[in-house]
C-alpha atoms as a PDB file:
ATOM      1  CA  MET A   1     106.883  85.684 270.077  1.00  0.00           C
ATOM      2  CA  LYS A   2     104.783  85.695 266.901  1.00  0.00           C
ATOM      3  CA  ARG A   3     104.054  89.342 267.381  1.00  0.00           C
ATOM      4  CA  GLN A   4     107.744  90.186 267.759  1.00  0.00           C
ATOM      5  CA  THR A   5     108.651  88.167 264.661  1.00  0.00           C
ATOM      6  CA  SER A   6     105.930  89.883 262.644  1.00  0.00           C
ATOM      7  CA  ARG A   7     107.124  93.256 263.869  1.00  0.00           C
ATOM      8  CA  ILE A   8     110.707  92.507 262.810  1.00  0.00           C
ATOM      9  CA  ILE A   9     109.546  91.365 259.365  1.00  0.00           C
ATOM     10  CA  VAL A  10     107.442  94.499 258.940  1.00  0.00           C
ATOM     11  CA  LEU A  11     110.379  96.674 259.996  1.00  0.00           C
ATOM     12  CA  CYS A  12     112.620  94.936 257.462  1.00  0.00           C
ATOM     13  CA  PHE A  13     110.131  95.532 254.662  1.00  0.00           C
ATOM     14  CA  VAL A  14     109.648  99.143 255.728  1.00  0.00           C
ATOM     15  CA  GLY A  15     113.430  99.611 255.810  1.00  0.00           C
ATOM     16  CA  LEU A  16     113.853  98.163 252.322  1.00  0.00           C
ATOM     17  CA  ALA A  17     110.981 100.290 250.983  1.00  0.00           C
ATOM     18  CA  ALA A  18     112.479 103.394 252.603  1.00  0.00           C
ATOM     19  CA  ALA A  19     115.900 102.609 251.112  1.00  0.00           C
ATOM     20  CA  ALA A  20     114.358 102.171 247.645  1.00  0.00           C
ATOM     21  CA  PHE A  21     112.421 105.424 248.008  1.00  0.00           C
ATOM     22  CA  VAL A  22     115.546 107.300 249.129  1.00  0.00           C
ATOM     23  CA  TYR A  23     117.431 105.948 246.117  1.00  0.00           C
ATOM     24  CA  LEU A  24     114.719 107.109 243.715  1.00  0.00           C
ATOM     25  CA  VAL A  25     114.568 110.647 245.134  1.00  0.00           C
ATOM     26  CA  ARG A  26     118.250 110.899 246.063  1.00  0.00           C
ATOM     27  CA  SER A  27     118.788 114.099 244.084  1.00  0.00           C
ATOM     28  CA  LEU A  28     116.027 115.819 246.090  1.00  0.00           C
ATOM     29  CA  LEU A  29     117.589 114.790 249.405  1.00  0.00           C
ATOM     30  CA  ILE A  30     120.856 116.656 248.896  1.00  0.00           C
ATOM     31  CA  PRO A  31     119.786 119.552 251.210  1.00  0.00           C
ATOM     32  CA  PHE A  32     118.828 117.047 253.928  1.00  0.00           C
ATOM     33  CA  ALA A  33     122.156 115.225 253.589  1.00  0.00           C
ATOM     34  CA  ILE A  34     124.048 118.512 253.889  1.00  0.00           C
ATOM     35  CA  ALA A  35     121.819 119.478 256.831  1.00  0.00           C
ATOM     36  CA  ALA A  36     122.546 116.189 258.597  1.00  0.00           C
ATOM     37  CA  LEU A  37     126.278 116.778 258.133  1.00  0.00           C
ATOM     38  CA  ILE A  38     126.006 120.344 259.478  1.00  0.00           C
ATOM     39  CA  ALA A  39     123.935 119.143 262.443  1.00  0.00           C
ATOM     40  CA  TYR A  40     126.455 116.425 263.251  1.00  0.00           C
ATOM     41  CA  LEU A  41     129.331 118.917 263.164  1.00  0.00           C
ATOM     42  CA  VAL A  42     127.696 121.684 265.206  1.00  0.00           C
ATOM     43  CA  TYR A  43     125.910 119.537 267.792  1.00  0.00           C
ATOM     44  CA  PRO A  44     128.972 119.192 270.102  1.00  0.00           C
ATOM     45  CA  LEU A  45     129.441 122.977 270.065  1.00  0.00           C
ATOM     46  CA  VAL A  46     125.779 123.479 270.927  1.00  0.00           C
ATOM     47  CA  ARG A  47     126.090 121.019 273.827  1.00  0.00           C
ATOM     48  CA  ILE A  48     129.123 122.925 275.152  1.00  0.00           C
ATOM     49  CA  LEU A  49     127.133 126.155 275.186  1.00  0.00           C
ATOM     50  CA  GLU A  50     124.192 124.398 276.839  1.00  0.00           C
ATOM     51  CA  THR A  51     126.420 123.229 279.714  1.00  0.00           C
ATOM     52  CA  ARG A  52     127.192 126.905 280.331  1.00  0.00           C
ATOM     53  CA  GLY A  53     123.541 127.815 280.747  1.00  0.00           C
ATOM     54  CA  VAL A  54     122.596 128.848 277.203  1.00  0.00           C
ATOM     55  CA  ASN A  55     119.310 127.415 275.959  1.00  0.00           C
ATOM     56  CA  ARG A  56     119.447 125.298 272.838  1.00  0.00           C
ATOM     57  CA  ALA A  57     117.862 127.728 270.390  1.00  0.00           C
ATOM     58  CA  LYS A  58     120.238 130.539 271.401  1.00  0.00           C
ATOM     59  CA  ALA A  59     123.179 128.124 271.378  1.00  0.00           C
ATOM     60  CA  ILE A  60     122.405 127.072 267.804  1.00  0.00           C
ATOM     61  CA  LEU A  61     122.039 130.681 266.687  1.00  0.00           C
ATOM     62  CA  THR A  62     125.332 131.570 268.404  1.00  0.00           C
ATOM     63  CA  VAL A  63     127.162 128.770 266.588  1.00  0.00           C
ATOM     64  CA  TYR A  64     125.518 129.826 263.325  1.00  0.00           C
ATOM     65  CA  ALA A  65     126.555 133.444 263.879  1.00  0.00           C
ATOM     66  CA  ALA A  66     130.172 132.392 264.432  1.00  0.00           C
ATOM     67  CA  GLY A  67     130.005 130.214 261.306  1.00  0.00           C
ATOM     68  CA  ILE A  68     128.537 133.053 259.233  1.00  0.00           C
ATOM     69  CA  ILE A  69     131.321 135.389 260.358  1.00  0.00           C
ATOM     70  CA  LEU A  70     133.998 132.842 259.441  1.00  0.00           C
ATOM     71  CA  ALA A  71     132.271 132.081 256.130  1.00  0.00           C
ATOM     72  CA  GLY A  72     132.033 135.819 255.365  1.00  0.00           C
ATOM     73  CA  ILE A  73     135.747 136.263 255.988  1.00  0.00           C
ATOM     74  CA  PHE A  74     136.471 133.286 253.723  1.00  0.00           C
ATOM     75  CA  LEU A  75     134.192 134.613 250.974  1.00  0.00           C
ATOM     76  CA  LEU A  76     135.713 138.084 251.058  1.00  0.00           C
ATOM     77  CA  LEU A  77     139.296 136.868 251.091  1.00  0.00           C
ATOM     78  CA  PHE A  78     139.319 133.777 248.917  1.00  0.00           C
ATOM     79  CA  ILE A  79     136.262 133.394 246.670  1.00  0.00           C
ATOM     80  CA  PRO A  80     137.234 136.111 244.133  1.00  0.00           C
ATOM     81  CA  THR A  81     140.733 134.654 243.920  1.00  0.00           C
ATOM     82  CA  LEU A  82     139.310 131.142 243.599  1.00  0.00           C
ATOM     83  CA  PHE A  83     137.093 132.079 240.650  1.00  0.00           C
ATOM     84  CA  ASN A  84     139.929 133.921 238.928  1.00  0.00           C
ATOM     85  CA  GLU A  85     142.243 130.960 239.399  1.00  0.00           C
ATOM     86  CA  THR A  86     139.598 128.526 238.154  1.00  0.00           C
ATOM     87  CA  ARG A  87     139.009 130.566 234.988  1.00  0.00           C
ATOM     88  CA  ALA A  88     142.748 130.925 234.381  1.00  0.00           C
ATOM     89  CA  PHE A  89     143.341 127.246 235.047  1.00  0.00           C
ATOM     90  CA  GLU A  90     142.025 126.236 231.630  1.00  0.00           C
ATOM     91  CA  SER A  91     144.587 128.477 229.928  1.00  0.00           C
ATOM     92  CA  ILE A  92     147.536 126.788 231.598  1.00  0.00           C
ATOM     93  CA  LEU A  93     146.521 123.246 230.644  1.00  0.00           C
ATOM     94  CA  PRO A  94     148.067 123.469 227.136  1.00  0.00           C
ATOM     95  CA  VAL A  95     151.254 124.849 228.730  1.00  0.00           C
ATOM     96  CA  TYR A  96     151.210 121.979 231.179  1.00  0.00           C
ATOM     97  CA  SER A  97     150.772 119.550 228.294  1.00  0.00           C
ATOM     98  CA  SER A  98     153.686 121.029 226.323  1.00  0.00           C
ATOM     99  CA  ALA A  99     155.901 120.904 229.419  1.00  0.00           C
ATOM    100  CA  TRP A 100     155.056 117.239 229.804  1.00  0.00           C
ATOM    101  CA  MET A 101     155.928 116.703 226.133  1.00  0.00           C
ATOM    102  CA  GLU A 102     159.333 118.240 226.760  1.00  0.00           C
ATOM    103  CA  PHE A 103     159.818 115.888 229.681  1.00  0.00           C
ATOM    104  CA  GLN A 104     158.730 112.973 227.486  1.00  0.00           C
ATOM    105  CA  ASN A 105     161.239 114.008 224.808  1.00  0.00           C
ATOM    106  CA  TYR A 106     163.920 114.130 227.483  1.00  0.00           C
ATOM    107  CA  LEU A 107     163.034 110.576 228.533  1.00  0.00           C
ATOM    108  CA  ASN A 108     163.189 109.462 224.899  1.00  0.00           C
ATOM    109  CA  HIS A 109     166.607 111.063 224.516  1.00  0.00           C
ATOM    110  CA  LEU A 110     167.766 109.406 227.720  1.00  0.00           C
ATOM    111  CA  SER A 111     166.484 106.021 226.555  1.00  0.00           C
ATOM    112  CA  ASP A 112     168.454 106.455 223.322  1.00  0.00           C
ATOM    113  CA  ARG A 113     171.622 107.097 225.275  1.00  0.00           C
ATOM    114  CA  VAL A 114     171.258 104.033 227.495  1.00  0.00           C
ATOM    115  CA  LEU A 115     170.468 101.826 224.455  1.00  0.00           C
ATOM    116  CA  LEU A 116     167.123 100.447 225.607  1.00  0.00           C
ATOM    117  CA  PRO A 117     165.487  97.789 223.418  1.00  0.00           C
ATOM    118  CA  PRO A 118     162.811  99.137 221.042  1.00  0.00           C
ATOM    119  CA  GLU A 119     160.071  97.277 222.946  1.00  0.00           C
ATOM    120  CA  ALA A 120     161.071  98.821 226.277  1.00  0.00           C
ATOM    121  CA  ARG A 121     161.287 102.265 224.676  1.00  0.00           C
ATOM    122  CA  GLN A 122     157.785 101.875 223.236  1.00  0.00           C
ATOM    123  CA  ILE A 123     156.453 100.893 226.679  1.00  0.00           C
ATOM    124  CA  LEU A 124     158.000 104.035 228.209  1.00  0.00           C
ATOM    125  CA  VAL A 125     156.462 106.216 225.494  1.00  0.00           C
ATOM    126  CA  GLU A 126     153.010 104.708 225.967  1.00  0.00           C
ATOM    127  CA  MET A 127     153.191 104.970 229.774  1.00  0.00           C
ATOM    128  CA  SER A 128     154.234 108.620 229.703  1.00  0.00           C
ATOM    129  CA  SER A 129     151.498 109.400 227.181  1.00  0.00           C
ATOM    130  CA  ARG A 130     148.857 107.729 229.338  1.00  0.00           C
ATOM    131  CA  ILE A 131     150.069 109.542 232.460  1.00  0.00           C
ATOM    132  CA  ARG A 132     149.980 112.878 230.630  1.00  0.00           C
ATOM    133  CA  SER A 133     146.461 112.379 229.272  1.00  0.00           C
ATOM    134  CA  GLY A 134     145.246 111.070 232.629  1.00  0.00           C
ATOM    135  CA  LEU A 135     146.609 114.038 234.564  1.00  0.00           C
ATOM    136  CA  TYR A 136     145.210 116.421 231.961  1.00  0.00           C
ATOM    137  CA  GLU A 137     141.722 114.972 232.273  1.00  0.00           C
ATOM    138  CA  ARG A 138     141.850 114.872 236.089  1.00  0.00           C
ATOM    139  CA  MET A 139     142.917 118.505 236.294  1.00  0.00           C
ATOM    140  CA  ARG A 140     140.233 119.569 233.829  1.00  0.00           C
ATOM    141  CA  SER A 141     137.524 117.640 235.684  1.00  0.00           C
ATOM    142  CA  PHE A 142     138.658 119.172 238.983  1.00  0.00           C
ATOM    143  CA  ALA A 143     138.287 122.686 237.572  1.00  0.00           C
ATOM    144  CA  GLU A 144     134.876 121.840 236.126  1.00  0.00           C
ATOM    145  CA  SER A 145     133.703 120.306 239.413  1.00  0.00           C
ATOM    146  CA  LEU A 146     134.564 123.517 241.264  1.00  0.00           C
ATOM    147  CA  LEU A 147     132.404 125.497 238.863  1.00  0.00           C
ATOM    148  CA  SER A 148     129.589 122.925 239.049  1.00  0.00           C
ATOM    149  CA  LEU A 149     129.262 123.620 242.778  1.00  0.00           C
ATOM    150  CA  LEU A 150     127.374 126.755 241.795  1.00  0.00           C
ATOM    151  CA  ALA A 151     124.425 124.545 240.834  1.00  0.00           C
ATOM    152  CA  GLN A 152     124.174 123.359 244.448  1.00  0.00           C
ATOM    153  CA  ILE A 153     123.884 126.847 245.953  1.00  0.00           C
ATOM    154  CA  PRO A 154     120.127 126.426 246.746  1.00  0.00           C
ATOM    155  CA  SER A 155     120.903 123.211 248.653  1.00  0.00           C
ATOM    156  CA  PHE A 156     123.643 124.917 250.648  1.00  0.00           C
ATOM    157  CA  LEU A 157     121.321 127.820 251.474  1.00  0.00           C
ATOM    158  CA  LEU A 158     118.449 125.573 252.604  1.00  0.00           C
ATOM    159  CA  ALA A 159     120.588 123.118 254.602  1.00  0.00           C
ATOM    160  CA  PRO A 160     121.315 125.379 257.634  1.00  0.00           C
ATOM    161  CA  PHE A 161     117.580 125.910 258.238  1.00  0.00           C
ATOM    162  CA  LEU A 162     116.969 122.158 258.143  1.00  0.00           C
ATOM    163  CA  ALA A 163     119.970 121.546 260.383  1.00  0.00           C
ATOM    164  CA  TYR A 164     118.567 124.001 262.945  1.00  0.00           C
ATOM    165  CA  TYR A 165     115.463 121.830 263.487  1.00  0.00           C
ATOM    166  CA  ILE A 166     117.516 118.619 263.469  1.00  0.00           C
ATOM    167  CA  VAL A 167     119.719 119.895 266.297  1.00  0.00           C
ATOM    168  CA  LYS A 168     116.876 121.588 268.169  1.00  0.00           C
ATOM    169  CA  ASP A 169     114.707 118.454 268.287  1.00  0.00           C
ATOM    170  CA  TYR A 170     117.476 115.848 268.284  1.00  0.00           C
ATOM    171  CA  GLU A 171     116.380 114.116 271.513  1.00  0.00           C
ATOM    172  CA  HIS A 172     112.768 114.020 270.307  1.00  0.00           C
ATOM    173  CA  PHE A 173     113.783 112.372 267.014  1.00  0.00           C
ATOM    174  CA  LYS A 174     115.977 109.910 268.898  1.00  0.00           C
ATOM    175  CA  LYS A 175     113.155 108.861 271.247  1.00  0.00           C
ATOM    176  CA  ARG A 176     110.666 108.451 268.421  1.00  0.00           C
ATOM    177  CA  PHE A 177     113.127 106.350 266.454  1.00  0.00           C
ATOM    178  CA  LEU A 178     113.939 104.064 269.399  1.00  0.00           C
ATOM    179  CA  ALA A 179     110.247 103.722 270.258  1.00  0.00           C
ATOM    180  CA  ILE A 180     109.436 101.927 267.008  1.00  0.00           C
ATOM    181  CA  LEU A 181     112.121  99.273 267.640  1.00  0.00           C
ATOM    182  CA  PRO A 182     111.554  96.080 269.628  1.00  0.00           C
ATOM    183  CA  PRO A 183     112.755  96.602 273.241  1.00  0.00           C
ATOM    184  CA  GLU A 184     115.309  93.781 273.063  1.00  0.00           C
ATOM    185  CA  PHE A 185     117.135  95.525 270.195  1.00  0.00           C
ATOM    186  CA  ARG A 186     117.262  99.017 271.682  1.00  0.00           C
ATOM    187  CA  SER A 187     120.335  98.537 273.890  1.00  0.00           C
ATOM    188  CA  ASP A 188     122.246  96.977 270.980  1.00  0.00           C
ATOM    189  CA  LEU A 189     121.270  99.829 268.701  1.00  0.00           C
ATOM    190  CA  VAL A 190     122.290 102.454 271.281  1.00  0.00           C
ATOM    191  CA  HIS A 191     125.677 100.732 271.619  1.00  0.00           C
ATOM    192  CA  PHE A 192     126.026 100.608 267.840  1.00  0.00           C
ATOM    193  CA  LEU A 193     125.174 104.310 267.492  1.00  0.00           C
ATOM    194  CA  ARG A 194     127.730 105.227 270.147  1.00  0.00           C
ATOM    195  CA  GLU A 195     130.435 103.276 268.347  1.00  0.00           C
ATOM    196  CA  ALA A 196     129.370 104.835 265.050  1.00  0.00           C
ATOM    197  CA  ASP A 197     129.604 108.279 266.630  1.00  0.00           C
ATOM    198  CA  LEU A 198     133.136 107.548 267.826  1.00  0.00           C
ATOM    199  CA  ILE A 199     134.154 106.398 264.351  1.00  0.00           C
ATOM    200  CA  PHE A 200     132.553 109.197 262.371  1.00  0.00           C
ATOM    201  CA  SER A 201     133.459 111.900 264.868  1.00  0.00           C
ATOM    202  CA  LYS A 202     137.092 110.963 264.373  1.00  0.00           C
ATOM    203  CA  PHE A 203     136.638 110.815 260.620  1.00  0.00           C
ATOM    204  CA  LEU A 204     134.446 113.851 260.048  1.00  0.00           C
ATOM    205  CA  ARG A 205     135.733 116.209 262.725  1.00  0.00           C
ATOM    206  CA  GLY A 206     139.291 114.941 263.101  1.00  0.00           C
ATOM    207  CA  HIS A 207     140.076 113.988 259.513  1.00  0.00           C
ATOM    208  CA  LEU A 208     138.426 117.077 258.069  1.00  0.00           C
ATOM    209  CA  LEU A 209     140.497 119.227 260.420  1.00  0.00           C
ATOM    210  CA  VAL A 210     143.711 117.412 259.461  1.00  0.00           C
ATOM    211  CA  SER A 211     142.924 117.741 255.740  1.00  0.00           C
ATOM    212  CA  ALA A 212     142.064 121.421 256.125  1.00  0.00           C
ATOM    213  CA  VAL A 213     145.357 122.114 257.910  1.00  0.00           C
ATOM    214  CA  VAL A 214     147.308 120.163 255.273  1.00  0.00           C
ATOM    215  CA  GLY A 215     145.571 122.031 252.452  1.00  0.00           C
ATOM    216  CA  PHE A 216     146.101 125.394 254.133  1.00  0.00           C
ATOM    217  CA  LEU A 217     149.806 124.799 254.752  1.00  0.00           C
ATOM    218  CA  THR A 218     150.376 123.464 251.235  1.00  0.00           C
ATOM    219  CA  GLY A 219     148.547 126.422 249.688  1.00  0.00           C
ATOM    220  CA  LEU A 220     150.454 128.820 251.941  1.00  0.00           C
ATOM    221  CA  GLY A 221     153.746 127.268 250.892  1.00  0.00           C
ATOM    222  CA  ALA A 222     152.729 127.550 247.233  1.00  0.00           C
ATOM    223  CA  ALA A 223     151.864 131.224 247.756  1.00  0.00           C
ATOM    224  CA  LEU A 224     155.188 131.921 249.481  1.00  0.00           C
ATOM    225  CA  ILE A 225     157.183 130.499 246.579  1.00  0.00           C
ATOM    226  CA  GLY A 226     155.093 132.522 244.131  1.00  0.00           C
ATOM    227  CA  LEU A 227     152.905 129.928 242.380  1.00  0.00           C
ATOM    228  CA  ARG A 228     149.912 131.304 240.463  1.00  0.00           C
ATOM    229  CA  PHE A 229     147.308 128.755 241.548  1.00  0.00           C
ATOM    230  CA  PHE A 230     148.117 128.544 245.240  1.00  0.00           C
ATOM    231  CA  LEU A 231     144.449 128.543 246.314  1.00  0.00           C
ATOM    232  CA  LEU A 232     143.502 125.740 243.916  1.00  0.00           C
ATOM    233  CA  ILE A 233     146.572 123.811 245.058  1.00  0.00           C
ATOM    234  CA  GLY A 234     145.494 124.136 248.693  1.00  0.00           C
ATOM    235  CA  ILE A 235     141.905 123.047 247.997  1.00  0.00           C
ATOM    236  CA  PHE A 236     142.979 120.138 245.793  1.00  0.00           C
ATOM    237  CA  THR A 237     145.509 118.943 248.389  1.00  0.00           C
ATOM    238  CA  ALA A 238     142.918 119.156 251.186  1.00  0.00           C
ATOM    239  CA  LEU A 239     140.362 117.151 249.180  1.00  0.00           C
ATOM    240  CA  ALA A 240     142.926 114.533 248.158  1.00  0.00           C
ATOM    241  CA  ASP A 241     144.166 114.229 251.738  1.00  0.00           C
ATOM    242  CA  LEU A 242     140.737 112.922 252.735  1.00  0.00           C
ATOM    243  CA  ILE A 243     141.752 109.669 251.015  1.00  0.00           C
ATOM    244  CA  PRO A 244     144.031 107.625 253.313  1.00  0.00           C
ATOM    245  CA  PHE A 245     147.382 106.428 251.941  1.00  0.00           C
ATOM    246  CA  PHE A 246     146.661 107.226 248.296  1.00  0.00           C
ATOM    247  CA  GLY A 247     145.534 110.843 248.756  1.00  0.00           C
ATOM    248  CA  PRO A 248     148.979 112.447 249.171  1.00  0.00           C
ATOM    249  CA  ILE A 249     150.275 110.492 246.160  1.00  0.00           C
ATOM    250  CA  ILE A 250     147.281 111.549 244.051  1.00  0.00           C
ATOM    251  CA  ALA A 251     147.869 115.207 244.918  1.00  0.00           C
ATOM    252  CA  ALA A 252     151.669 115.170 244.590  1.00  0.00           C
ATOM    253  CA  PHE A 253     151.936 114.775 240.811  1.00  0.00           C
ATOM    254  CA  PRO A 254     149.653 117.622 239.648  1.00  0.00           C
ATOM    255  CA  VAL A 255     150.764 119.966 242.455  1.00  0.00           C
ATOM    256  CA  ILE A 256     154.487 119.547 241.783  1.00  0.00           C
ATOM    257  CA  GLY A 257     153.801 119.393 238.045  1.00  0.00           C
ATOM    258  CA  LEU A 258     152.123 122.827 238.125  1.00  0.00           C
ATOM    259  CA  ALA A 259     155.192 124.210 239.841  1.00  0.00           C
ATOM    260  CA  LEU A 260     157.514 122.622 237.285  1.00  0.00           C
ATOM    261  CA  VAL A 261     155.533 124.278 234.477  1.00  0.00           C
ATOM    262  CA  GLU A 262     156.678 127.684 235.755  1.00  0.00           C
ATOM    263  CA  ASN A 263     160.314 126.717 236.377  1.00  0.00           C
ATOM    264  CA  ARG A 264     162.437 123.981 237.881  1.00  0.00           C
ATOM    265  CA  MET A 265     163.359 125.925 241.013  1.00  0.00           C
ATOM    266  CA  LYS A 266     159.710 126.402 241.951  1.00  0.00           C
ATOM    267  CA  GLY A 267     159.149 122.716 241.304  1.00  0.00           C
ATOM    268  CA  ILE A 268     161.983 121.800 243.691  1.00  0.00           C
ATOM    269  CA  LEU A 269     160.709 124.257 246.322  1.00  0.00           C
ATOM    270  CA  MET A 270     157.149 122.914 245.972  1.00  0.00           C
ATOM    271  CA  LEU A 271     158.464 119.381 246.433  1.00  0.00           C
ATOM    272  CA  ILE A 272     160.226 120.469 249.638  1.00  0.00           C
ATOM    273  CA  VAL A 273     157.055 122.200 250.907  1.00  0.00           C
ATOM    274  CA  TYR A 274     154.929 119.173 250.081  1.00  0.00           C
ATOM    275  CA  LEU A 275     157.249 116.717 251.814  1.00  0.00           C
ATOM    276  CA  ALA A 276     157.525 118.987 254.871  1.00  0.00           C
ATOM    277  CA  VAL A 277     153.728 119.261 255.199  1.00  0.00           C
ATOM    278  CA  GLN A 278     153.326 115.496 254.819  1.00  0.00           C
ATOM    279  CA  GLN A 279     155.915 114.916 257.543  1.00  0.00           C
ATOM    280  CA  LEU A 280     154.076 117.364 259.788  1.00  0.00           C
ATOM    281  CA  GLU A 281     150.821 115.522 259.123  1.00  0.00           C
ATOM    282  CA  GLY A 282     152.274 112.073 259.789  1.00  0.00           C
ATOM    283  CA  CYS A 283     154.317 112.954 262.868  1.00  0.00           C
ATOM    284  CA  ILE A 284     152.150 115.549 264.646  1.00  0.00           C
ATOM    285  CA  LEU A 285     148.658 116.124 263.219  1.00  0.00           C
ATOM    286  CA  VAL A 286     147.467 112.536 262.756  1.00  0.00           C
ATOM    287  CA  PRO A 287     148.765 111.162 266.113  1.00  0.00           C
ATOM    288  CA  ARG A 288     147.292 114.081 268.066  1.00  0.00           C
ATOM    289  CA  LEU A 289     143.992 114.600 266.258  1.00  0.00           C
ATOM    290  CA  LEU A 290     143.156 111.106 264.986  1.00  0.00           C
ATOM    291  CA  GLY A 291     145.196 108.572 266.926  1.00  0.00           C
ATOM    292  CA  ASP A 292     144.453 104.931 266.069  1.00  0.00           C
ATOM    293  CA  ARG A 293     140.707 104.950 266.629  1.00  0.00           C
ATOM    294  CA  MET A 294     139.946 103.141 263.354  1.00  0.00           C
ATOM    295  CA  GLY A 295     141.939 100.087 264.437  1.00  0.00           C
ATOM    296  CA  LEU A 296     142.377  98.624 260.937  1.00  0.00           C
ATOM    297  CA  HIS A 297     145.583  97.048 259.709  1.00  0.00           C
ATOM    298  CA  PRO A 298     147.253  99.047 256.885  1.00  0.00           C
ATOM    299  CA  LEU A 299     146.759  96.118 254.478  1.00  0.00           C
ATOM    300  CA  ALA A 300     143.043  96.055 255.317  1.00  0.00           C
ATOM    301  CA  VAL A 301     142.844  99.813 254.777  1.00  0.00           C
ATOM    302  CA  MET A 302     144.445  99.521 251.336  1.00  0.00           C
ATOM    303  CA  LEU A 303     142.104  96.677 250.395  1.00  0.00           C
ATOM    304  CA  VAL A 304     138.921  98.517 251.373  1.00  0.00           C
ATOM    305  CA  LEU A 305     140.186 101.651 249.612  1.00  0.00           C
ATOM    306  CA  LEU A 306     140.678  99.728 246.377  1.00  0.00           C
ATOM    307  CA  ILE A 307     137.216  98.151 246.693  1.00  0.00           C
ATOM    308  CA  GLY A 308     135.531 101.459 247.568  1.00  0.00           C
ATOM    309  CA  GLY A 309     137.248 103.278 244.720  1.00  0.00           C
ATOM    310  CA  TYR A 310     136.345 100.541 242.233  1.00  0.00           C
ATOM    311  CA  PHE A 311     132.628 100.531 243.054  1.00  0.00           C
ATOM    312  CA  PHE A 312     131.933 104.123 244.161  1.00  0.00           C
ATOM    313  CA  GLY A 313     134.746 106.279 242.778  1.00  0.00           C
ATOM    314  CA  ALA A 314     135.991 109.274 244.779  1.00  0.00           C
ATOM    315  CA  LEU A 315     133.305 109.006 247.467  1.00  0.00           C
ATOM    316  CA  GLY A 316     134.159 105.344 247.902  1.00  0.00           C
ATOM    317  CA  LEU A 317     137.807 106.238 248.501  1.00  0.00           C
ATOM    318  CA  ILE A 318     136.870 108.851 251.087  1.00  0.00           C
ATOM    319  CA  PHE A 319     134.267 106.870 253.041  1.00  0.00           C
ATOM    320  CA  ALA A 320     135.582 103.311 252.586  1.00  0.00           C
ATOM    321  CA  VAL A 321     137.506 103.191 255.884  1.00  0.00           C
ATOM    322  CA  PRO A 322     134.832 104.582 258.269  1.00  0.00           C
ATOM    323  CA  VAL A 323     132.069 102.532 256.609  1.00  0.00           C
ATOM    324  CA  THR A 324     134.189  99.389 256.960  1.00  0.00           C
ATOM    325  CA  CYS A 325     134.770 100.130 260.642  1.00  0.00           C
ATOM    326  CA  LEU A 326     131.035 100.690 261.082  1.00  0.00           C
ATOM    327  CA  MET A 327     130.254  97.378 259.388  1.00  0.00           C
ATOM    328  CA  ARG A 328     132.779  95.656 261.644  1.00  0.00           C
ATOM    329  CA  VAL A 329     131.033  97.025 264.740  1.00  0.00           C
ATOM    330  CA  GLY A 330     127.618  95.931 263.427  1.00  0.00           C
ATOM    331  CA  LEU A 331     128.806  92.431 262.523  1.00  0.00           C
ATOM    332  CA  ARG A 332     130.506  92.048 265.897  1.00  0.00           C
ATOM    333  CA  SER A 333     127.288  93.025 267.707  1.00  0.00           C
ATOM    334  CA  LEU A 334     125.286  90.624 265.546  1.00  0.00           C
ATOM    335  CA  TRP A 335     127.788  87.814 266.180  1.00  0.00           C
ATOM    336  CA  ASP A 336     127.697  88.387 269.934  1.00  0.00           C
ATOM    337  CA  ARG A 337     123.904  88.206 269.901  1.00  0.00           C
ATOM    338  CA  ILE A 338     123.882  84.995 267.825  1.00  0.00           C
ATOM    339  CA  ILE A 339     126.573  83.292 269.926  1.00  0.00           C
END
């Protein structure tokens, strides 16, 4: 009993020391984090090929080859357009700002006609000014973040090689990890990891697929109605759609606003496209690809989103729901063991 207690204490100290070390060198671990994500996404495909008689190394290389082909098609078709749109995006921001000023002047004129009190009129002016400056800064930061991805090219190039060894030796790593744990905790940990896999497989594979489809359809609709920045609109919508509940609202204002800058008809058409894609997502994509695996009440989802966004920003909004579900599974397992 003493030996087991000492082992648990040592493991706790080692875990805390490892967490502190990871925090200190977090910038150096970006390739490993990307590699872990790639390994998690491709592992099911590798297992499918293995069930058909392909050995693991060849299965990984086959999946990589298919990914390289798809990535090459994407690079040839979209990357030049994406860079051109990103460079041109800065030039349209003043136009966007002046269009918002015209809309603000229209609101002021309307408030004069309906005889609003001076205090209420001042509140409307301040709110519209804050919304305009906020949208301006968000759009500028989005364009800058796309360009800043170039600095992470070495990490993206190194990650597939690291992911290859993670997938190839996955069972070996799993056995070594379980071997250092006390035997009485292994079954609980295996159960926890299975539940975590169910949660994150739905989130990473299912939610990423839903967001990609939503972004593609929105960008396609923007291209069909003749908007200049259809590729940026698709990417921005896909990224925003990763955030439950609030994501579509966050994306709606700048997307429809960009269309209104060109003319009102395009703004109306973009609004129709956006609403149609959101209906498709809510009625078909989410029920079929995601279901209700998270099992959180909508009020709980909104609460954890607000908390995650407050403490961790955009990443907190994206990962708040799956992390909360994972914590719920861990606390439930701990409670069952205590009781």
